[in-house]
Amino acid sequence: MLGASVPKHTAHLLDLGAGVGTAGLVAMSLDRTHQLTLGERDSEIALIAEANIRENGFAERARVITADITSPTARREAGFPENAFDCVIANPPYFDAGRGTAASGAYRQGARHMAHSELELWGKAAAGAARASGLAIFVYPATGLAALIAAFDQRFGAIEILPLAPRPGQPASRVLIRGRKGSRAPLTLHATHYLHGDQGNEFSQEFSAILMGQGPFDW
């Protein structure tokens, strides 16, 4: 859903903490962006991302930069462009530190567990990378919404929040948040969207094509 949310005609997209590049490559495959940069701190995972770029036929339009995106020094030393991207997307580590089942391996732990307070660093990184009037789009658990809004506040305006819930009548479990750098427009809270119907495990008509990588998510 994150990659499918990238606006059409995005010239240059950055995926922060990209892992193997899934979200960014979804945007490329849907022809939502012309150029893609993946930022990933783990060198072994970055090699997989590079292989995914090649195997999907995007080697001439996509690249990987290996750096800790939360560190300004690391970004600078790795040659991360500043104020350069039309859209910045991210799926930050989603378990608050000390909660959830600990993942095996240092990479998986770092990719899944992070204190909500550290979202501030991700917001700074996104704002530093986005061009003037550029967009940032994050997906995150609904429990971290307050920290997510704080990370966007004073950096992005025209903030839009889209709650995602498993089924009608259930609380939102995830949120998509989108903001425009430098805007002063007020916040918009969209109606909740539901992944499934009242019964069964099939995805709703709205999300089935999106989650199969076959269609965009325009919201």
N, C-alpha and C. Protein backbone atom coordinates (compact mmCIF):
# COMPACT_ATOMS: atom_id res chain seq x y z
N MET A 1 0.82 -1.21 0.00
CA MET A 1 0.00 0.00 0.00
C MET A 1 0.86 1.26 0.00
N LEU A 2 2.03 1.17 0.64
CA LEU A 2 2.90 2.34 0.68
C LEU A 2 3.41 2.68 -0.71
N GLY A 3 3.95 1.70 -1.42
CA GLY A 3 4.44 1.96 -2.77
C GLY A 3 3.33 2.38 -3.71
N ALA A 4 2.15 1.79 -3.55
CA ALA A 4 1.03 2.11 -4.41
C ALA A 4 0.47 3.50 -4.13
N SER A 5 0.84 4.11 -2.99
CA SER A 5 0.36 5.45 -2.63
C SER A 5 1.19 6.56 -3.25
N VAL A 6 2.30 6.23 -3.88
CA VAL A 6 3.14 7.25 -4.50
C VAL A 6 2.37 7.91 -5.64
N PRO A 7 2.32 9.24 -5.67
CA PRO A 7 1.54 9.91 -6.72
C PRO A 7 2.11 9.64 -8.11
N LYS A 8 1.22 9.58 -9.08
CA LYS A 8 1.63 9.43 -10.46
C LYS A 8 2.47 10.62 -10.89
N HIS A 9 3.42 10.38 -11.79
CA HIS A 9 4.32 11.40 -12.33
C HIS A 9 5.34 11.89 -11.31
N THR A 10 5.61 11.10 -10.27
CA THR A 10 6.70 11.45 -9.35
C THR A 10 8.03 11.28 -10.08
N ALA A 11 8.80 12.35 -10.15
CA ALA A 11 10.06 12.28 -10.91
C ALA A 11 11.10 11.44 -10.19
N HIS A 12 11.32 11.71 -8.89
CA HIS A 12 12.38 11.01 -8.15
C HIS A 12 11.86 10.64 -6.77
N LEU A 13 11.85 9.35 -6.50
CA LEU A 13 11.31 8.80 -5.26
C LEU A 13 12.44 8.29 -4.38
N LEU A 14 12.32 8.54 -3.07
CA LEU A 14 13.26 7.99 -2.09
C LEU A 14 12.50 7.11 -1.12
N ASP A 15 13.00 5.89 -0.91
CA ASP A 15 12.45 4.98 0.09
C ASP A 15 13.45 4.89 1.23
N LEU A 16 13.08 5.45 2.39
CA LEU A 16 13.95 5.46 3.56
C LEU A 16 13.84 4.14 4.31
N GLY A 17 14.98 3.56 4.70
CA GLY A 17 14.94 2.28 5.40
C GLY A 17 14.27 1.24 4.53
N ALA A 18 14.75 1.11 3.30
CA ALA A 18 14.01 0.41 2.25
C ALA A 18 14.02 -1.10 2.38
N GLY A 19 14.90 -1.66 3.20
CA GLY A 19 14.99 -3.11 3.25
C GLY A 19 15.39 -3.66 1.89
N VAL A 20 14.67 -4.66 1.39
CA VAL A 20 15.00 -5.25 0.09
C VAL A 20 14.39 -4.46 -1.06
N GLY A 21 13.72 -3.35 -0.75
CA GLY A 21 13.23 -2.45 -1.79
C GLY A 21 11.80 -2.63 -2.22
N THR A 22 11.02 -3.39 -1.46
CA THR A 22 9.68 -3.75 -1.90
C THR A 22 8.80 -2.55 -2.24
N ALA A 23 8.67 -1.60 -1.31
CA ALA A 23 7.75 -0.48 -1.52
C ALA A 23 8.16 0.36 -2.72
N GLY A 24 9.44 0.69 -2.80
CA GLY A 24 9.92 1.49 -3.92
C GLY A 24 9.74 0.79 -5.25
N LEU A 25 10.00 -0.52 -5.28
CA LEU A 25 9.86 -1.26 -6.53
C LEU A 25 8.40 -1.43 -6.94
N VAL A 26 7.49 -1.47 -5.95
CA VAL A 26 6.06 -1.46 -6.28
C VAL A 26 5.72 -0.16 -7.02
N ALA A 27 6.22 0.96 -6.52
CA ALA A 27 5.97 2.25 -7.17
C ALA A 27 6.53 2.26 -8.59
N MET A 28 7.73 1.68 -8.76
CA MET A 28 8.32 1.62 -10.10
C MET A 28 7.48 0.74 -11.02
N SER A 29 7.06 -0.42 -10.52
CA SER A 29 6.32 -1.37 -11.36
C SER A 29 4.96 -0.81 -11.77
N LEU A 30 4.39 0.06 -10.93
CA LEU A 30 3.12 0.69 -11.25
C LEU A 30 3.29 1.97 -12.06
N ASP A 31 4.54 2.27 -12.42
CA ASP A 31 4.87 3.45 -13.22
C ASP A 31 4.45 4.74 -12.51
N ARG A 32 4.65 4.76 -11.19
CA ARG A 32 4.33 5.96 -10.41
C ARG A 32 5.52 6.91 -10.32
N THR A 33 6.72 6.41 -10.61
CA THR A 33 7.91 7.24 -10.49
C THR A 33 8.89 6.90 -11.60
N HIS A 34 9.71 7.89 -11.98
CA HIS A 34 10.69 7.67 -13.04
C HIS A 34 12.03 7.19 -12.47
N GLN A 35 12.44 7.77 -11.34
CA GLN A 35 13.70 7.39 -10.72
C GLN A 35 13.46 6.98 -9.27
N LEU A 36 14.27 6.04 -8.79
CA LEU A 36 14.11 5.53 -7.44
C LEU A 36 15.46 5.43 -6.74
N THR A 37 15.50 5.91 -5.51
CA THR A 37 16.66 5.71 -4.64
C THR A 37 16.20 4.98 -3.39
N LEU A 38 16.89 3.89 -3.07
CA LEU A 38 16.60 3.12 -1.86
C LEU A 38 17.70 3.40 -0.84
N GLY A 39 17.32 3.80 0.36
CA GLY A 39 18.27 4.00 1.45
C GLY A 39 18.16 2.87 2.45
N GLU A 40 19.22 2.11 2.65
CA GLU A 40 19.21 0.96 3.55
C GLU A 40 20.55 0.86 4.28
N ARG A 41 20.50 0.71 5.62
CA ARG A 41 21.73 0.74 6.40
C ARG A 41 22.48 -0.59 6.42
N ASP A 42 21.77 -1.72 6.26
CA ASP A 42 22.40 -3.03 6.35
C ASP A 42 22.98 -3.41 4.98
N SER A 43 24.30 -3.61 4.93
CA SER A 43 24.96 -3.82 3.64
C SER A 43 24.51 -5.12 2.97
N GLU A 44 24.24 -6.17 3.74
CA GLU A 44 23.81 -7.43 3.14
C GLU A 44 22.40 -7.29 2.55
N ILE A 45 21.53 -6.60 3.27
CA ILE A 45 20.18 -6.37 2.76
C ILE A 45 20.23 -5.45 1.55
N ALA A 46 21.14 -4.48 1.57
CA ALA A 46 21.29 -3.57 0.43
C ALA A 46 21.68 -4.33 -0.83
N LEU A 47 22.50 -5.38 -0.69
CA LEU A 47 22.87 -6.19 -1.84
C LEU A 47 21.66 -6.91 -2.42
N ILE A 48 20.77 -7.37 -1.55
CA ILE A 48 19.53 -8.00 -2.03
C ILE A 48 18.67 -6.98 -2.77
N ALA A 49 18.60 -5.76 -2.21
CA ALA A 49 17.84 -4.70 -2.87
C ALA A 49 18.41 -4.41 -4.27
N GLU A 50 19.72 -4.37 -4.37
CA GLU A 50 20.35 -4.15 -5.68
C GLU A 50 20.00 -5.28 -6.65
N ALA A 51 20.01 -6.52 -6.16
CA ALA A 51 19.63 -7.65 -7.01
C ALA A 51 18.17 -7.54 -7.44
N ASN A 52 17.31 -7.11 -6.54
CA ASN A 52 15.89 -6.94 -6.88
C ASN A 52 15.71 -5.87 -7.95
N ILE A 53 16.49 -4.81 -7.87
CA ILE A 53 16.43 -3.77 -8.89
C ILE A 53 16.80 -4.35 -10.25
N ARG A 54 17.91 -5.09 -10.29
CA ARG A 54 18.35 -5.66 -11.57
C ARG A 54 17.34 -6.67 -12.12
N GLU A 55 16.88 -7.56 -11.25
CA GLU A 55 16.00 -8.64 -11.71
C GLU A 55 14.63 -8.13 -12.15
N ASN A 56 14.26 -6.94 -11.70
CA ASN A 56 12.99 -6.35 -12.13
C ASN A 56 13.16 -5.39 -13.31
N GLY A 57 14.38 -5.29 -13.80
CA GLY A 57 14.62 -4.50 -15.00
C GLY A 57 14.70 -3.00 -14.79
N PHE A 58 15.06 -2.57 -13.58
CA PHE A 58 15.10 -1.14 -13.29
C PHE A 58 16.51 -0.60 -13.04
N ALA A 59 17.53 -1.32 -13.49
CA ALA A 59 18.90 -0.96 -13.16
C ALA A 59 19.29 0.44 -13.66
N GLU A 60 18.68 0.88 -14.75
CA GLU A 60 19.03 2.20 -15.30
C GLU A 60 18.31 3.33 -14.60
N ARG A 61 17.30 3.01 -13.78
CA ARG A 61 16.49 4.07 -13.16
C ARG A 61 16.44 4.00 -11.64
N ALA A 62 17.14 3.03 -11.05
CA ALA A 62 17.08 2.88 -9.59
C ALA A 62 18.47 2.57 -9.04
N ARG A 63 18.67 2.94 -7.77
CA ARG A 63 19.95 2.68 -7.11
C ARG A 63 19.73 2.52 -5.63
N VAL A 64 20.75 1.98 -4.96
CA VAL A 64 20.74 1.80 -3.51
C VAL A 64 21.87 2.61 -2.90
N ILE A 65 21.58 3.34 -1.84
CA ILE A 65 22.62 4.01 -1.04
C ILE A 65 22.62 3.36 0.33
N THR A 66 23.77 2.83 0.73
CA THR A 66 23.88 2.15 2.01
C THR A 66 24.30 3.14 3.09
N ALA A 67 23.38 3.44 4.01
CA ALA A 67 23.65 4.40 5.09
C ALA A 67 22.56 4.30 6.13
N ASP A 68 22.91 4.68 7.36
CA ASP A 68 21.92 4.81 8.43
C ASP A 68 21.17 6.12 8.19
N ILE A 69 19.95 6.02 7.74
CA ILE A 69 19.23 7.23 7.32
C ILE A 69 18.88 8.13 8.49
N THR A 70 18.95 7.62 9.73
CA THR A 70 18.64 8.45 10.89
C THR A 70 19.83 9.30 11.34
N SER A 71 21.00 9.09 10.74
CA SER A 71 22.20 9.82 11.12
C SER A 71 22.57 10.84 10.04
N PRO A 72 22.51 12.15 10.35
CA PRO A 72 22.90 13.15 9.35
C PRO A 72 24.33 12.96 8.85
N THR A 73 25.23 12.57 9.76
CA THR A 73 26.63 12.35 9.36
C THR A 73 26.73 11.19 8.39
N ALA A 74 26.04 10.09 8.70
CA ALA A 74 26.08 8.92 7.81
C ALA A 74 25.48 9.24 6.46
N ARG A 75 24.39 9.99 6.44
CA ARG A 75 23.78 10.36 5.16
C ARG A 75 24.72 11.21 4.34
N ARG A 76 25.35 12.16 4.99
CA ARG A 76 26.27 13.06 4.28
C ARG A 76 27.46 12.28 3.72
N GLU A 77 28.04 11.41 4.53
CA GLU A 77 29.21 10.64 4.10
C GLU A 77 28.86 9.68 2.96
N ALA A 78 27.62 9.20 2.94
CA ALA A 78 27.20 8.28 1.88
C ALA A 78 26.78 9.01 0.61
N GLY A 79 26.74 10.33 0.66
CA GLY A 79 26.37 11.10 -0.52
C GLY A 79 24.88 11.20 -0.76
N PHE A 80 24.10 11.15 0.33
CA PHE A 80 22.65 11.27 0.18
C PHE A 80 22.30 12.67 -0.31
N PRO A 81 21.54 12.80 -1.39
CA PRO A 81 21.12 14.12 -1.86
C PRO A 81 20.19 14.79 -0.84
N GLU A 82 20.33 16.08 -0.67
CA GLU A 82 19.46 16.84 0.22
C GLU A 82 18.53 17.71 -0.62
N ASN A 83 17.30 17.88 -0.13
CA ASN A 83 16.32 18.74 -0.81
C ASN A 83 16.18 18.38 -2.29
N ALA A 84 16.10 17.08 -2.57
CA ALA A 84 16.20 16.63 -3.95
C ALA A 84 15.04 15.76 -4.42
N PHE A 85 14.25 15.19 -3.52
CA PHE A 85 13.29 14.17 -3.92
C PHE A 85 11.87 14.72 -3.96
N ASP A 86 11.13 14.30 -4.97
CA ASP A 86 9.74 14.74 -5.11
C ASP A 86 8.85 14.05 -4.09
N CYS A 87 9.21 12.84 -3.69
CA CYS A 87 8.42 12.08 -2.72
C CYS A 87 9.36 11.20 -1.92
N VAL A 88 9.13 11.14 -0.61
CA VAL A 88 9.91 10.29 0.31
C VAL A 88 8.92 9.37 1.02
N ILE A 89 9.16 8.07 0.95
CA ILE A 89 8.29 7.11 1.62
C ILE A 89 9.08 6.35 2.67
N ALA A 90 8.37 5.83 3.68
CA ALA A 90 9.04 5.06 4.73
C ALA A 90 8.05 4.18 5.46
N ASN A 91 8.54 3.02 5.84
CA ASN A 91 7.83 2.09 6.73
C ASN A 91 8.77 1.86 7.91
N PRO A 92 8.81 2.80 8.87
CA PRO A 92 9.78 2.69 9.97
C PRO A 92 9.53 1.44 10.82
N PRO A 93 10.56 0.99 11.56
CA PRO A 93 10.37 -0.14 12.49
C PRO A 93 9.14 0.09 13.35
N TYR A 94 8.29 -0.92 13.44
CA TYR A 94 6.93 -0.67 13.92
C TYR A 94 6.62 -1.17 15.31
N PHE A 95 7.51 -1.96 15.94
CA PHE A 95 7.26 -2.35 17.32
C PHE A 95 7.98 -1.39 18.24
N ASP A 96 7.25 -0.81 19.20
CA ASP A 96 7.90 0.03 20.19
C ASP A 96 8.93 -0.81 20.93
N ALA A 97 10.08 -0.21 21.23
CA ALA A 97 11.16 -0.94 21.88
C ALA A 97 10.66 -1.62 23.15
N GLY A 98 10.98 -2.90 23.29
CA GLY A 98 10.57 -3.64 24.47
C GLY A 98 9.21 -4.29 24.34
N ARG A 99 8.52 -4.11 23.21
CA ARG A 99 7.21 -4.71 23.00
C ARG A 99 7.27 -5.63 21.79
N GLY A 100 6.35 -6.55 21.75
CA GLY A 100 6.32 -7.49 20.65
C GLY A 100 7.35 -8.59 20.86
N THR A 101 7.28 -9.63 20.06
CA THR A 101 8.21 -10.73 20.14
C THR A 101 9.53 -10.34 19.51
N ALA A 102 10.62 -10.51 20.24
CA ALA A 102 11.93 -10.13 19.73
C ALA A 102 12.27 -10.97 18.51
N ALA A 103 12.73 -10.32 17.44
CA ALA A 103 13.12 -11.03 16.23
C ALA A 103 14.52 -11.61 16.39
N SER A 104 14.77 -12.70 15.70
CA SER A 104 16.10 -13.30 15.73
C SER A 104 17.01 -12.55 14.78
N GLY A 105 18.26 -12.30 15.19
CA GLY A 105 19.21 -11.62 14.34
C GLY A 105 19.17 -10.12 14.54
N ALA A 106 20.36 -9.51 14.49
CA ALA A 106 20.46 -8.08 14.74
C ALA A 106 19.71 -7.26 13.71
N TYR A 107 19.79 -7.68 12.42
CA TYR A 107 19.09 -6.89 11.40
C TYR A 107 17.59 -6.90 11.62
N ARG A 108 17.02 -8.09 11.83
CA ARG A 108 15.57 -8.18 11.98
C ARG A 108 15.10 -7.43 13.22
N GLN A 109 15.89 -7.47 14.30
CA GLN A 109 15.50 -6.70 15.48
C GLN A 109 15.48 -5.22 15.18
N GLY A 110 16.52 -4.72 14.50
CA GLY A 110 16.57 -3.30 14.16
C GLY A 110 15.50 -2.90 13.18
N ALA A 111 15.11 -3.83 12.29
CA ALA A 111 14.11 -3.52 11.29
C ALA A 111 12.71 -3.51 11.86
N ARG A 112 12.50 -4.18 13.00
CA ARG A 112 11.15 -4.30 13.56
C ARG A 112 10.93 -3.49 14.83
N HIS A 113 11.98 -3.25 15.60
CA HIS A 113 11.81 -2.64 16.92
C HIS A 113 12.49 -1.27 16.98
N MET A 114 11.73 -0.28 17.44
CA MET A 114 12.24 1.07 17.60
C MET A 114 11.29 1.83 18.50
N ALA A 115 11.82 2.61 19.41
CA ALA A 115 10.97 3.45 20.25
C ALA A 115 10.22 4.45 19.38
N HIS A 116 8.94 4.68 19.68
CA HIS A 116 8.16 5.64 18.91
C HIS A 116 8.83 7.02 18.89
N SER A 117 9.54 7.33 19.95
CA SER A 117 10.19 8.64 20.02
C SER A 117 11.24 8.83 18.92
N GLU A 118 11.77 7.73 18.40
CA GLU A 118 12.79 7.83 17.35
C GLU A 118 12.21 8.19 15.99
N LEU A 119 10.89 8.24 15.89
CA LEU A 119 10.27 8.70 14.65
C LEU A 119 10.69 10.12 14.31
N GLU A 120 11.07 10.88 15.33
CA GLU A 120 11.55 12.24 15.11
C GLU A 120 12.73 12.24 14.13
N LEU A 121 13.63 11.27 14.28
CA LEU A 121 14.79 11.18 13.40
C LEU A 121 14.38 10.86 11.97
N TRP A 122 13.36 10.02 11.81
CA TRP A 122 12.87 9.69 10.48
C TRP A 122 12.19 10.90 9.84
N GLY A 123 11.45 11.67 10.65
CA GLY A 123 10.83 12.88 10.13
C GLY A 123 11.87 13.88 9.65
N LYS A 124 12.95 14.05 10.43
CA LYS A 124 14.03 14.95 10.03
C LYS A 124 14.68 14.49 8.74
N ALA A 125 14.92 13.18 8.64
CA ALA A 125 15.55 12.64 7.44
C ALA A 125 14.68 12.87 6.21
N ALA A 126 13.37 12.64 6.35
CA ALA A 126 12.46 12.84 5.23
C ALA A 126 12.41 14.30 4.82
N ALA A 127 12.35 15.21 5.80
CA ALA A 127 12.28 16.63 5.50
C ALA A 127 13.57 17.12 4.84
N GLY A 128 14.71 16.60 5.29
CA GLY A 128 15.98 17.00 4.70
C GLY A 128 16.14 16.51 3.27
N ALA A 129 15.54 15.36 2.96
CA ALA A 129 15.69 14.79 1.63
C ALA A 129 14.69 15.34 0.63
N ALA A 130 13.49 15.72 1.10
CA ALA A 130 12.44 16.18 0.19
C ALA A 130 12.75 17.57 -0.36
N ARG A 131 12.40 17.77 -1.61
CA ARG A 131 12.55 19.10 -2.20
C ARG A 131 11.46 20.01 -1.65
N ALA A 132 11.56 21.29 -1.94
CA ALA A 132 10.51 22.23 -1.55
C ALA A 132 9.19 21.78 -2.15
N SER A 133 8.17 21.71 -1.32
CA SER A 133 6.82 21.25 -1.69
C SER A 133 6.77 19.75 -1.98
N GLY A 134 7.85 19.02 -1.68
CA GLY A 134 7.84 17.58 -1.87
C GLY A 134 6.98 16.88 -0.83
N LEU A 135 6.61 15.64 -1.12
CA LEU A 135 5.74 14.87 -0.25
C LEU A 135 6.54 13.87 0.59
N ALA A 136 5.98 13.56 1.75
CA ALA A 136 6.45 12.44 2.57
C ALA A 136 5.24 11.57 2.86
N ILE A 137 5.40 10.26 2.73
CA ILE A 137 4.33 9.31 3.02
C ILE A 137 4.91 8.20 3.89
N PHE A 138 4.34 8.02 5.08
CA PHE A 138 4.77 6.96 5.99
C PHE A 138 3.59 6.04 6.26
N VAL A 139 3.89 4.78 6.56
CA VAL A 139 2.89 3.86 7.09
C VAL A 139 3.41 3.38 8.45
N TYR A 140 2.47 3.27 9.42
CA TYR A 140 2.91 2.98 10.79
C TYR A 140 1.72 2.46 11.60
N PRO A 141 1.98 1.72 12.68
CA PRO A 141 0.88 1.29 13.54
C PRO A 141 0.11 2.48 14.11
N ALA A 142 -1.18 2.32 14.25
CA ALA A 142 -2.03 3.40 14.75
C ALA A 142 -1.65 3.80 16.18
N THR A 143 -1.08 2.86 16.95
CA THR A 143 -0.68 3.18 18.33
C THR A 143 0.41 4.23 18.39
N GLY A 144 1.14 4.43 17.30
CA GLY A 144 2.21 5.42 17.28
C GLY A 144 1.82 6.71 16.58
N LEU A 145 0.52 6.95 16.39
CA LEU A 145 0.08 8.10 15.62
C LEU A 145 0.53 9.42 16.23
N ALA A 146 0.47 9.54 17.55
CA ALA A 146 0.86 10.82 18.18
C ALA A 146 2.32 11.14 17.87
N ALA A 147 3.19 10.15 17.99
CA ALA A 147 4.61 10.37 17.70
C ALA A 147 4.82 10.64 16.21
N LEU A 148 4.02 10.00 15.37
CA LEU A 148 4.13 10.20 13.93
C LEU A 148 3.76 11.63 13.54
N ILE A 149 2.66 12.13 14.12
CA ILE A 149 2.25 13.51 13.84
C ILE A 149 3.32 14.48 14.34
N ALA A 150 3.87 14.21 15.51
CA ALA A 150 4.92 15.08 16.04
C ALA A 150 6.14 15.10 15.13
N ALA A 151 6.47 13.97 14.51
CA ALA A 151 7.61 13.91 13.61
C ALA A 151 7.38 14.72 12.34
N PHE A 152 6.12 14.82 11.91
CA PHE A 152 5.79 15.59 10.72
C PHE A 152 5.58 17.06 11.03
N ASP A 153 5.13 17.37 12.23
CA ASP A 153 4.78 18.74 12.59
C ASP A 153 5.98 19.68 12.45
N GLN A 154 5.73 20.87 11.95
CA GLN A 154 6.73 21.91 11.72
C GLN A 154 7.65 21.60 10.54
N ARG A 155 7.51 20.42 9.94
CA ARG A 155 8.30 20.06 8.76
C ARG A 155 7.42 19.91 7.53
N PHE A 156 6.24 19.38 7.76
CA PHE A 156 5.28 19.14 6.68
C PHE A 156 3.92 19.70 7.06
N GLY A 157 3.25 20.25 6.08
CA GLY A 157 1.88 20.71 6.28
C GLY A 157 0.96 19.95 5.35
N ALA A 158 -0.30 20.39 5.28
CA ALA A 158 -1.30 19.68 4.49
C ALA A 158 -1.30 18.20 4.85
N ILE A 159 -1.10 17.91 6.14
CA ILE A 159 -1.00 16.52 6.60
C ILE A 159 -2.34 15.82 6.42
N GLU A 160 -2.28 14.63 5.85
CA GLU A 160 -3.47 13.80 5.68
C GLU A 160 -3.23 12.46 6.36
N ILE A 161 -4.21 11.99 7.10
CA ILE A 161 -4.10 10.72 7.81
C ILE A 161 -5.20 9.79 7.33
N LEU A 162 -4.81 8.60 6.93
CA LEU A 162 -5.77 7.60 6.47
C LEU A 162 -5.70 6.38 7.39
N PRO A 163 -6.71 6.17 8.26
CA PRO A 163 -6.71 4.99 9.13
C PRO A 163 -7.07 3.73 8.34
N LEU A 164 -6.42 2.63 8.70
CA LEU A 164 -6.67 1.34 8.08
C LEU A 164 -7.06 0.35 9.17
N ALA A 165 -8.22 -0.28 9.01
CA ALA A 165 -8.70 -1.24 10.00
C ALA A 165 -8.93 -2.59 9.34
N PRO A 166 -8.80 -3.68 10.12
CA PRO A 166 -9.02 -5.00 9.53
C PRO A 166 -10.43 -5.18 8.99
N ARG A 167 -11.45 -4.77 9.80
CA ARG A 167 -12.84 -5.01 9.42
C ARG A 167 -13.73 -3.86 9.92
N PRO A 168 -14.89 -3.68 9.33
CA PRO A 168 -15.83 -2.70 9.86
C PRO A 168 -16.14 -2.97 11.33
N GLY A 169 -16.17 -1.90 12.11
CA GLY A 169 -16.43 -2.04 13.54
C GLY A 169 -15.21 -2.26 14.38
N GLN A 170 -14.05 -2.49 13.76
CA GLN A 170 -12.81 -2.68 14.51
C GLN A 170 -11.97 -1.41 14.45
N PRO A 171 -11.16 -1.17 15.49
CA PRO A 171 -10.32 0.03 15.48
C PRO A 171 -9.21 -0.07 14.43
N ALA A 172 -8.71 1.06 14.03
CA ALA A 172 -7.61 1.11 13.06
C ALA A 172 -6.37 0.45 13.65
N SER A 173 -5.68 -0.33 12.86
CA SER A 173 -4.45 -0.96 13.28
C SER A 173 -3.22 -0.30 12.65
N ARG A 174 -3.41 0.33 11.50
CA ARG A 174 -2.34 1.03 10.80
C ARG A 174 -2.85 2.38 10.34
N VAL A 175 -1.92 3.29 10.08
CA VAL A 175 -2.27 4.58 9.48
C VAL A 175 -1.27 4.90 8.38
N LEU A 176 -1.77 5.49 7.33
CA LEU A 176 -0.93 6.13 6.33
C LEU A 176 -0.98 7.62 6.61
N ILE A 177 0.18 8.27 6.56
CA ILE A 177 0.22 9.71 6.78
C ILE A 177 0.99 10.33 5.62
N ARG A 178 0.48 11.45 5.14
CA ARG A 178 1.09 12.13 4.00
C ARG A 178 1.16 13.61 4.33
N GLY A 179 2.28 14.24 4.01
CA GLY A 179 2.44 15.66 4.24
C GLY A 179 3.27 16.31 3.16
N ARG A 180 3.11 17.63 2.99
CA ARG A 180 3.83 18.37 1.96
C ARG A 180 4.80 19.35 2.63
N LYS A 181 6.06 19.27 2.24
CA LYS A 181 7.10 20.09 2.85
C LYS A 181 6.82 21.58 2.62
N GLY A 182 6.84 22.33 3.72
CA GLY A 182 6.67 23.78 3.65
C GLY A 182 5.24 24.26 3.60
N SER A 183 4.27 23.35 3.49
CA SER A 183 2.87 23.78 3.41
C SER A 183 2.37 24.22 4.78
N ARG A 184 1.40 25.13 4.78
CA ARG A 184 0.76 25.58 6.01
C ARG A 184 -0.71 25.14 6.06
N ALA A 185 -1.11 24.31 5.12
CA ALA A 185 -2.50 23.87 5.08
C ALA A 185 -2.82 22.98 6.28
N PRO A 186 -4.07 22.97 6.74
CA PRO A 186 -4.43 22.21 7.95
C PRO A 186 -4.46 20.70 7.71
N LEU A 187 -4.55 19.99 8.82
CA LEU A 187 -4.60 18.53 8.81
C LEU A 187 -5.96 18.03 8.35
N THR A 188 -5.95 16.90 7.62
CA THR A 188 -7.17 16.23 7.19
C THR A 188 -7.16 14.80 7.70
N LEU A 189 -8.24 14.40 8.37
CA LEU A 189 -8.39 13.02 8.82
C LEU A 189 -9.42 12.34 7.92
N HIS A 190 -8.96 11.36 7.15
CA HIS A 190 -9.84 10.66 6.23
C HIS A 190 -10.67 9.60 6.95
N ALA A 191 -11.73 9.17 6.31
CA ALA A 191 -12.53 8.06 6.83
C ALA A 191 -11.70 6.78 6.83
N THR A 192 -12.00 5.90 7.77
CA THR A 192 -11.28 4.63 7.87
C THR A 192 -11.57 3.74 6.67
N HIS A 193 -10.53 3.09 6.17
CA HIS A 193 -10.68 2.10 5.11
C HIS A 193 -10.48 0.72 5.71
N TYR A 194 -11.23 -0.27 5.18
CA TYR A 194 -11.23 -1.61 5.77
C TYR A 194 -10.62 -2.62 4.80
N LEU A 195 -9.70 -3.43 5.33
CA LEU A 195 -9.01 -4.40 4.50
C LEU A 195 -9.89 -5.59 4.13
N HIS A 196 -10.79 -5.98 5.03
CA HIS A 196 -11.65 -7.14 4.82
C HIS A 196 -13.11 -6.74 5.03
N GLY A 197 -14.00 -7.62 4.62
CA GLY A 197 -15.41 -7.43 4.90
C GLY A 197 -15.76 -7.91 6.29
N ASP A 198 -17.05 -8.01 6.58
CA ASP A 198 -17.49 -8.44 7.91
C ASP A 198 -17.06 -9.87 8.24
N GLN A 199 -16.99 -10.71 7.22
CA GLN A 199 -16.65 -12.11 7.43
C GLN A 199 -15.65 -12.56 6.37
N GLY A 200 -14.94 -13.66 6.71
CA GLY A 200 -13.98 -14.22 5.76
C GLY A 200 -12.66 -13.48 5.78
N ASN A 201 -11.67 -14.09 5.11
CA ASN A 201 -10.33 -13.52 5.09
C ASN A 201 -9.95 -12.90 3.75
N GLU A 202 -10.88 -12.88 2.82
CA GLU A 202 -10.58 -12.25 1.54
C GLU A 202 -10.48 -10.74 1.71
N PHE A 203 -9.57 -10.16 0.95
CA PHE A 203 -9.43 -8.71 0.99
C PHE A 203 -10.60 -8.06 0.27
N SER A 204 -10.93 -6.86 0.71
CA SER A 204 -12.02 -6.12 0.07
C SER A 204 -11.66 -5.82 -1.37
N GLN A 205 -12.66 -5.50 -2.16
CA GLN A 205 -12.44 -5.19 -3.56
C GLN A 205 -11.47 -4.03 -3.72
N GLU A 206 -11.54 -3.06 -2.81
CA GLU A 206 -10.66 -1.90 -2.89
C GLU A 206 -9.19 -2.29 -2.78
N PHE A 207 -8.90 -3.28 -1.92
CA PHE A 207 -7.50 -3.57 -1.61
C PHE A 207 -6.94 -4.81 -2.31
N SER A 208 -7.77 -5.65 -2.90
CA SER A 208 -7.26 -6.89 -3.47
C SER A 208 -6.23 -6.62 -4.57
N ALA A 209 -6.55 -5.74 -5.50
CA ALA A 209 -5.62 -5.44 -6.58
C ALA A 209 -4.38 -4.72 -6.07
N ILE A 210 -4.57 -3.82 -5.09
CA ILE A 210 -3.43 -3.07 -4.54
C ILE A 210 -2.43 -4.02 -3.89
N LEU A 211 -2.93 -4.94 -3.08
CA LEU A 211 -2.04 -5.84 -2.34
C LEU A 211 -1.44 -6.93 -3.23
N MET A 212 -1.98 -7.10 -4.43
CA MET A 212 -1.36 -7.98 -5.42
C MET A 212 -0.39 -7.24 -6.31
N GLY A 213 -0.19 -5.96 -6.02
CA GLY A 213 0.73 -5.15 -6.82
C GLY A 213 0.23 -4.84 -8.21
N GLN A 214 -1.09 -4.82 -8.38
CA GLN A 214 -1.67 -4.64 -9.70
C GLN A 214 -2.33 -3.29 -9.90
N GLY A 215 -2.38 -2.47 -8.87
CA GLY A 215 -3.05 -1.19 -9.02
C GLY A 215 -2.59 -0.17 -8.01
N PRO A 216 -2.75 1.12 -8.31
CA PRO A 216 -2.34 2.18 -7.39
C PRO A 216 -3.35 2.36 -6.26
N PHE A 217 -2.92 3.09 -5.25
CA PHE A 217 -3.80 3.42 -4.11
C PHE A 217 -3.87 4.94 -4.05
N ASP A 218 -4.82 5.50 -4.75
CA ASP A 218 -4.98 6.95 -4.79
C ASP A 218 -5.93 7.39 -3.70
N TRP A 219 -5.45 8.14 -2.74
CA TRP A 219 -6.29 8.58 -1.63
C TRP A 219 -6.00 10.05 -1.29
